C-alpha atoms as a PDB file:
ATOM      1  CA  MET A   1     129.573  85.495 116.915  1.00  0.00           C
ATOM      2  CA  GLY A   2     132.927  84.478 115.238  1.00  0.00           C
ATOM      3  CA  SER A   3     134.770  86.469 112.700  1.00  0.00           C
ATOM      4  CA  LEU A   4     133.927  84.109 109.934  1.00  0.00           C
ATOM      5  CA  GLN A   5     130.177  84.189 110.709  1.00  0.00           C
ATOM      6  CA  ILE A   6     130.302  88.142 110.728  1.00  0.00           C
ATOM      7  CA  GLU A   7     131.965  88.093 107.423  1.00  0.00           C
ATOM      8  CA  GLU A   8     129.364  85.629 105.962  1.00  0.00           C
ATOM      9  CA  THR A   9     126.470  87.759 107.410  1.00  0.00           C
ATOM     10  CA  LEU A  10     127.860  90.943 105.922  1.00  0.00           C
ATOM     11  CA  LYS A  11     128.302  89.211 102.562  1.00  0.00           C
ATOM     12  CA  ARG A  12     124.792  87.849 102.661  1.00  0.00           C
ATOM     13  CA  ILE A  13     123.384  91.378 103.449  1.00  0.00           C
ATOM     14  CA  SER A  14     125.368  92.960 100.642  1.00  0.00           C
ATOM     15  CA  GLN A  15     124.094  90.442  98.166  1.00  0.00           C
ATOM     16  CA  GLN A  16     120.375  91.203  98.846  1.00  0.00           C
ATOM     17  CA  LYS A  17     118.265  92.640  96.148  1.00  0.00           C
ATOM     18  CA  GLY A  18     118.454  96.435  96.230  1.00  0.00           C
ATOM     19  CA  VAL A  19     121.202  96.808  98.700  1.00  0.00           C
ATOM     20  CA  GLU A  20     123.615  99.523  97.856  1.00  0.00           C
ATOM     21  CA  GLY A  21     125.853  98.858 100.818  1.00  0.00           C
ATOM     22  CA  TYR A  22     126.309  99.262 104.543  1.00  0.00           C
ATOM     23  CA  ILE A  23     128.160 101.532 107.140  1.00  0.00           C
ATOM     24  CA  ILE A  24     129.237 100.336 110.548  1.00  0.00           C
ATOM     25  CA  ALA A  25     130.097 103.135 112.952  1.00  0.00           C
ATOM     26  CA  ASP A  26     131.058 103.453 116.581  1.00  0.00           C
ATOM     27  CA  GLU A  27     128.900 105.314 118.920  1.00  0.00           C
ATOM     28  CA  VAL A  28     130.462 108.682 118.237  1.00  0.00           C
ATOM     29  CA  GLY A  29     130.335 108.282 114.412  1.00  0.00           C
ATOM     30  CA  ASN A  30     133.761 106.893 113.420  1.00  0.00           C
ATOM     31  CA  VAL A  31     133.425 104.638 110.394  1.00  0.00           C
ATOM     32  CA  LEU A  32     134.591 101.241 111.473  1.00  0.00           C
ATOM     33  CA  ARG A  33     133.791  99.552 108.086  1.00  0.00           C
ATOM     34  CA  THR A  34     131.814 100.350 104.948  1.00  0.00           C
ATOM     35  CA  THR A  35     131.254  98.966 101.474  1.00  0.00           C
ATOM     36  CA  PHE A  36     130.946 102.531 100.109  1.00  0.00           C
ATOM     37  CA  THR A  37     134.449 103.240  98.617  1.00  0.00           C
ATOM     38  CA  ASP A  38     133.890 105.327  95.587  1.00  0.00           C
ATOM     39  CA  GLU A  39     134.776 109.109  95.743  1.00  0.00           C
ATOM     40  CA  PRO A  40     131.177 110.391  95.453  1.00  0.00           C
ATOM     41  CA  ASP A  41     130.024 108.009  98.255  1.00  0.00           C
ATOM     42  CA  ARG A  42     132.607 109.364 100.797  1.00  0.00           C
ATOM     43  CA  ASP A  43     130.638 112.441 101.495  1.00  0.00           C
ATOM     44  CA  MET A  44     127.377 110.498 102.110  1.00  0.00           C
ATOM     45  CA  VAL A  45     129.324 107.987 104.405  1.00  0.00           C
ATOM     46  CA  ALA A  46     130.802 110.900 106.409  1.00  0.00           C
ATOM     47  CA  LYS A  47     127.434 112.566 106.883  1.00  0.00           C
ATOM     48  CA  LEU A  48     125.518 109.400 107.604  1.00  0.00           C
ATOM     49  CA  SER A  49     128.181 108.179 110.141  1.00  0.00           C
ATOM     50  CA  GLN A  50     127.963 111.387 112.000  1.00  0.00           C
ATOM     51  CA  ASP A  51     124.049 111.507 112.008  1.00  0.00           C
ATOM     52  CA  LEU A  52     123.521 107.669 112.553  1.00  0.00           C
ATOM     53  CA  PRO A  53     124.558 107.341 116.218  1.00  0.00           C
ATOM     54  CA  ALA A  54     122.324 110.270 117.244  1.00  0.00           C
ATOM     55  CA  LEU A  55     119.350 108.919 115.338  1.00  0.00           C
ATOM     56  CA  ALA A  56     119.680 105.491 116.810  1.00  0.00           C
ATOM     57  CA  ALA A  57     120.126 106.963 120.281  1.00  0.00           C
ATOM     58  CA  ARG A  58     116.880 109.077 119.827  1.00  0.00           C
ATOM     59  CA  ALA A  59     114.979 105.999 118.665  1.00  0.00           C
ATOM     60  CA  SER A  60     116.349 103.993 121.535  1.00  0.00           C
ATOM     61  CA  SER A  61     115.320 106.732 123.955  1.00  0.00           C
ATOM     62  CA  ALA A  62     111.703 106.888 122.508  1.00  0.00           C
ATOM     63  CA  VAL A  63     111.299 103.118 122.972  1.00  0.00           C
ATOM     64  CA  ARG A  64     112.522 103.399 126.593  1.00  0.00           C
ATOM     65  CA  ASP A  65     110.072 106.222 127.226  1.00  0.00           C
ATOM     66  CA  LEU A  66     107.191 104.199 126.013  1.00  0.00           C
ATOM     67  CA  ASP A  67     108.306 101.020 128.116  1.00  0.00           C
ATOM     68  CA  PRO A  68     111.512 101.246 130.377  1.00  0.00           C
ATOM     69  CA  THR A  69     111.944  97.493 130.158  1.00  0.00           C
ATOM     70  CA  ASN A  70     112.040  97.486 126.295  1.00  0.00           C
ATOM     71  CA  VAL A  71     115.120  97.841 124.012  1.00  0.00           C
ATOM     72  CA  MET A  72     115.282  99.353 120.597  1.00  0.00           C
ATOM     73  CA  ARG A  73     117.059  96.812 118.157  1.00  0.00           C
ATOM     74  CA  PHE A  74     116.185  98.044 114.646  1.00  0.00           C
ATOM     75  CA  VAL A  75     114.838 101.044 112.852  1.00  0.00           C
ATOM     76  CA  ARG A  76     113.655 101.482 109.396  1.00  0.00           C
ATOM     77  CA  VAL A  77     113.520 104.902 107.636  1.00  0.00           C
ATOM     78  CA  GLN A  78     112.169 105.147 104.095  1.00  0.00           C
ATOM     79  CA  THR A  79     112.686 108.172 101.882  1.00  0.00           C
ATOM     80  CA  LYS A  80     111.746 108.807  98.260  1.00  0.00           C
ATOM     81  CA  LYS A  81     115.096 107.616  97.062  1.00  0.00           C
ATOM     82  CA  LYS A  82     116.648 105.324  99.885  1.00  0.00           C
ATOM     83  CA  GLU A  83     115.695 103.149 102.680  1.00  0.00           C
ATOM     84  CA  LEU A  84     117.815 103.174 105.733  1.00  0.00           C
ATOM     85  CA  MET A  85     117.800 100.024 108.098  1.00  0.00           C
ATOM     86  CA  ILE A  86     119.522 100.873 111.229  1.00  0.00           C
ATOM     87  CA  SER A  87     120.675  98.277 113.999  1.00  0.00           C
ATOM     88  CA  LYS A  88     122.128  99.366 117.366  1.00  0.00           C
ATOM     89  CA  ASP A  89     124.216  97.392 119.607  1.00  0.00           C
ATOM     90  CA  THR A  90     126.703  98.086 122.397  1.00  0.00           C
ATOM     91  CA  GLY A  91     129.531 100.004 120.954  1.00  0.00           C
ATOM     92  CA  PHE A  92     128.395 100.325 117.343  1.00  0.00           C
ATOM     93  CA  VAL A  93     125.622 101.161 114.922  1.00  0.00           C
ATOM     94  CA  MET A  94     125.100  99.505 111.652  1.00  0.00           C
ATOM     95  CA  MET A  95     123.149 100.915 108.735  1.00  0.00           C
ATOM     96  CA  VAL A  96     122.194  99.157 105.392  1.00  0.00           C
ATOM     97  CA  VAL A  97     121.449 101.395 102.474  1.00  0.00           C
ATOM     98  CA  GLN A  98     118.975 100.141 100.070  1.00  0.00           C
ATOM     99  CA  GLY A  99     117.264 101.713  97.117  1.00  0.00           C
ATOM    100  CA  THR A 100     113.499 102.131  97.134  1.00  0.00           C
ATOM    101  CA  VAL A 101     111.290 100.802  94.449  1.00  0.00           C
ATOM    102  CA  GLN A 102     110.768 104.289  92.940  1.00  0.00           C
ATOM    103  CA  SER A 103     114.618 104.927  92.700  1.00  0.00           C
ATOM    104  CA  GLU A 104     115.371 101.555  91.090  1.00  0.00           C
END
């Protein structure tokens, strides 16, 4: 996927209803890119970027335990306030943060 396609995809994701932003981190939790730039959001980004790779790795491991030939591509976690959509690929993890109906 080319750079322009990636930018267009990220823009499209960001414009979806309810999407608050996204975080892209490497496999050890270093933030590569985020749309959360305000001061109050920085703590959330730091915490999620540290926890995100471990969560994705555990989900991936669970999928492999069920079927060794299968690969986890996407996980969705819903809480009272937020919905986290997590996609894992080689070298990075992407999480989209969306408000839930109750929080909107």
